[in-house]
Amino acid sequence: MTPEQPALLPPGPATLAAVVRCRRCGRVLRDPEARMLRLGKECRGPEHAVRVVAGEQDPLPGI
């Protein structure tokens, strides 16, 4: 990346904090997926579902 190009991600910590709390109820989260979303399984609704898509993918062009 050159200095004149804008960064794609805003500056911030590269890793999650040691203690991550649920945005809705404030409980400490231990599940990696819940920590990433900052929502516990009990507080997460269908609008926060994480979909895992398995299957074959086409290779990227030029690789």
N, C-alpha and C. Protein backbone atom coordinates (compact mmCIF):
# COMPACT_ATOMS: atom_id res chain seq x y z
N MET A 1 0.84 -1.17 0.00
CA MET A 1 0.00 0.00 0.00
C MET A 1 0.89 1.24 0.00
N THR A 2 0.58 2.17 -0.85
CA THR A 2 1.35 3.40 -0.91
C THR A 2 0.70 4.45 -0.01
N PRO A 3 1.46 5.47 0.41
CA PRO A 3 0.93 6.47 1.33
C PRO A 3 -0.26 7.25 0.77
N GLU A 4 -0.35 7.40 -0.55
CA GLU A 4 -1.47 8.17 -1.11
C GLU A 4 -2.77 7.37 -1.20
N GLN A 5 -2.70 6.05 -1.06
CA GLN A 5 -3.91 5.23 -1.09
C GLN A 5 -4.55 5.20 0.29
N PRO A 6 -5.89 5.35 0.36
CA PRO A 6 -6.54 5.27 1.67
C PRO A 6 -6.56 3.83 2.17
N ALA A 7 -6.53 3.68 3.47
CA ALA A 7 -6.59 2.35 4.07
C ALA A 7 -8.00 1.79 3.93
N LEU A 8 -8.11 0.49 3.71
CA LEU A 8 -9.42 -0.14 3.58
C LEU A 8 -10.10 -0.31 4.94
N LEU A 9 -9.31 -0.51 5.97
CA LEU A 9 -9.86 -0.69 7.30
C LEU A 9 -9.44 0.49 8.18
N PRO A 10 -10.35 0.94 9.04
CA PRO A 10 -9.96 2.03 9.93
C PRO A 10 -8.91 1.55 10.92
N PRO A 11 -8.06 2.44 11.38
CA PRO A 11 -7.05 2.02 12.36
C PRO A 11 -7.71 1.55 13.64
N GLY A 12 -7.17 0.51 14.22
CA GLY A 12 -7.74 -0.03 15.44
C GLY A 12 -6.91 -1.20 15.90
N PRO A 13 -7.30 -1.79 17.04
CA PRO A 13 -6.53 -2.93 17.54
C PRO A 13 -6.65 -4.12 16.61
N ALA A 14 -5.55 -4.85 16.43
CA ALA A 14 -5.55 -6.01 15.55
C ALA A 14 -6.20 -7.22 16.21
N THR A 15 -6.24 -7.24 17.54
CA THR A 15 -6.85 -8.35 18.26
C THR A 15 -7.94 -7.83 19.18
N LEU A 16 -8.80 -8.74 19.61
CA LEU A 16 -9.86 -8.36 20.54
C LEU A 16 -9.29 -8.18 21.94
N ALA A 17 -9.97 -7.42 22.72
CA ALA A 17 -9.55 -7.20 24.10
C ALA A 17 -9.62 -8.52 24.87
N ALA A 18 -8.94 -8.58 26.00
CA ALA A 18 -8.92 -9.79 26.82
C ALA A 18 -10.33 -10.12 27.32
N VAL A 19 -11.10 -9.09 27.67
CA VAL A 19 -12.47 -9.29 28.14
C VAL A 19 -13.40 -8.58 27.16
N VAL A 20 -14.28 -9.36 26.52
CA VAL A 20 -15.27 -8.79 25.60
C VAL A 20 -16.63 -9.03 26.21
N ARG A 21 -17.42 -7.99 26.31
CA ARG A 21 -18.75 -8.09 26.90
C ARG A 21 -19.82 -7.96 25.82
N CYS A 22 -20.96 -8.60 26.07
CA CYS A 22 -22.10 -8.55 25.17
C CYS A 22 -22.63 -7.12 25.09
N ARG A 23 -22.92 -6.67 23.87
CA ARG A 23 -23.45 -5.32 23.68
C ARG A 23 -24.83 -5.15 24.29
N ARG A 24 -25.58 -6.23 24.38
CA ARG A 24 -26.96 -6.13 24.83
C ARG A 24 -27.11 -6.32 26.35
N CYS A 25 -26.47 -7.36 26.91
CA CYS A 25 -26.68 -7.67 28.33
C CYS A 25 -25.46 -7.41 29.20
N GLY A 26 -24.27 -7.25 28.59
CA GLY A 26 -23.08 -6.94 29.36
C GLY A 26 -22.32 -8.13 29.93
N ARG A 27 -22.77 -9.36 29.65
CA ARG A 27 -22.05 -10.53 30.16
C ARG A 27 -20.73 -10.72 29.44
N VAL A 28 -19.77 -11.35 30.13
CA VAL A 28 -18.47 -11.66 29.53
C VAL A 28 -18.67 -12.76 28.50
N LEU A 29 -18.08 -12.59 27.30
CA LEU A 29 -18.23 -13.56 26.22
C LEU A 29 -16.97 -14.39 26.10
N ARG A 30 -17.15 -15.70 25.89
CA ARG A 30 -16.02 -16.62 25.76
C ARG A 30 -15.97 -17.30 24.39
N ASP A 31 -17.10 -17.42 23.72
CA ASP A 31 -17.17 -18.05 22.41
C ASP A 31 -16.54 -17.12 21.37
N PRO A 32 -15.61 -17.63 20.52
CA PRO A 32 -14.95 -16.76 19.54
C PRO A 32 -15.93 -16.05 18.61
N GLU A 33 -16.98 -16.75 18.16
CA GLU A 33 -17.97 -16.14 17.27
C GLU A 33 -18.72 -15.02 17.99
N ALA A 34 -19.11 -15.27 19.23
CA ALA A 34 -19.82 -14.26 20.02
C ALA A 34 -18.91 -13.08 20.30
N ARG A 35 -17.63 -13.34 20.56
CA ARG A 35 -16.69 -12.25 20.82
C ARG A 35 -16.51 -11.38 19.59
N MET A 36 -16.47 -12.00 18.41
CA MET A 36 -16.32 -11.26 17.17
C MET A 36 -17.53 -10.34 16.93
N LEU A 37 -18.73 -10.87 17.17
CA LEU A 37 -19.96 -10.10 16.96
C LEU A 37 -20.29 -9.19 18.14
N ARG A 38 -19.65 -9.46 19.29
CA ARG A 38 -19.93 -8.76 20.54
C ARG A 38 -21.40 -8.91 20.94
N LEU A 39 -21.95 -10.10 20.64
CA LEU A 39 -23.31 -10.48 21.04
C LEU A 39 -23.30 -11.93 21.47
N GLY A 40 -23.85 -12.23 22.65
CA GLY A 40 -23.94 -13.59 23.12
C GLY A 40 -25.00 -14.37 22.35
N LYS A 41 -24.94 -15.70 22.45
CA LYS A 41 -25.90 -16.54 21.72
C LYS A 41 -27.33 -16.25 22.16
N GLU A 42 -27.54 -15.98 23.44
CA GLU A 42 -28.88 -15.72 23.95
C GLU A 42 -29.41 -14.38 23.46
N CYS A 43 -28.54 -13.42 23.23
CA CYS A 43 -28.95 -12.08 22.82
C CYS A 43 -28.99 -11.91 21.30
N ARG A 44 -28.41 -12.85 20.59
CA ARG A 44 -28.35 -12.76 19.14
C ARG A 44 -29.65 -13.23 18.53
N GLY A 45 -30.20 -12.46 17.63
CA GLY A 45 -31.43 -12.83 16.94
C GLY A 45 -31.11 -13.31 15.54
N PRO A 46 -32.15 -13.64 14.78
CA PRO A 46 -31.92 -14.13 13.42
C PRO A 46 -31.24 -13.09 12.52
N GLU A 47 -31.37 -11.81 12.84
CA GLU A 47 -30.72 -10.79 12.01
C GLU A 47 -29.22 -10.75 12.22
N HIS A 48 -28.71 -11.41 13.28
CA HIS A 48 -27.28 -11.45 13.54
C HIS A 48 -26.69 -12.83 13.27
N ALA A 49 -27.39 -13.66 12.56
CA ALA A 49 -26.91 -15.02 12.30
C ALA A 49 -25.63 -14.98 11.46
N VAL A 50 -24.72 -15.89 11.75
CA VAL A 50 -23.48 -16.01 10.99
C VAL A 50 -23.64 -17.21 10.08
N ARG A 51 -23.56 -16.97 8.78
CA ARG A 51 -23.71 -18.05 7.82
C ARG A 51 -22.34 -18.58 7.42
N VAL A 52 -22.22 -19.89 7.39
CA VAL A 52 -21.00 -20.53 6.93
C VAL A 52 -21.34 -21.21 5.62
N VAL A 53 -20.69 -20.78 4.56
CA VAL A 53 -20.96 -21.32 3.24
C VAL A 53 -19.81 -22.24 2.86
N ALA A 54 -20.13 -23.51 2.71
CA ALA A 54 -19.11 -24.48 2.33
C ALA A 54 -19.34 -24.89 0.88
N GLY A 55 -18.28 -25.10 0.18
CA GLY A 55 -18.41 -25.54 -1.19
C GLY A 55 -17.20 -25.14 -2.01
N GLU A 56 -17.21 -25.55 -3.25
CA GLU A 56 -16.12 -25.24 -4.15
C GLU A 56 -16.20 -23.79 -4.58
N GLN A 57 -15.06 -23.17 -4.70
CA GLN A 57 -14.99 -21.81 -5.19
C GLN A 57 -14.06 -21.77 -6.40
N ASP A 58 -14.36 -20.87 -7.30
CA ASP A 58 -13.51 -20.69 -8.46
C ASP A 58 -12.21 -20.03 -8.01
N PRO A 59 -11.09 -20.41 -8.62
CA PRO A 59 -9.83 -19.76 -8.25
C PRO A 59 -9.84 -18.30 -8.69
N LEU A 60 -9.10 -17.50 -7.98
CA LEU A 60 -8.99 -16.09 -8.33
C LEU A 60 -8.21 -15.95 -9.63
N PRO A 61 -8.64 -15.05 -10.51
CA PRO A 61 -7.90 -14.88 -11.75
C PRO A 61 -6.51 -14.30 -11.49
N GLY A 62 -5.54 -14.80 -12.20
CA GLY A 62 -4.18 -14.31 -12.08
C GLY A 62 -3.35 -15.00 -11.01
N ILE A 63 -3.96 -15.96 -10.33
CA ILE A 63 -3.20 -16.68 -9.30
C ILE A 63 -2.89 -18.07 -9.78
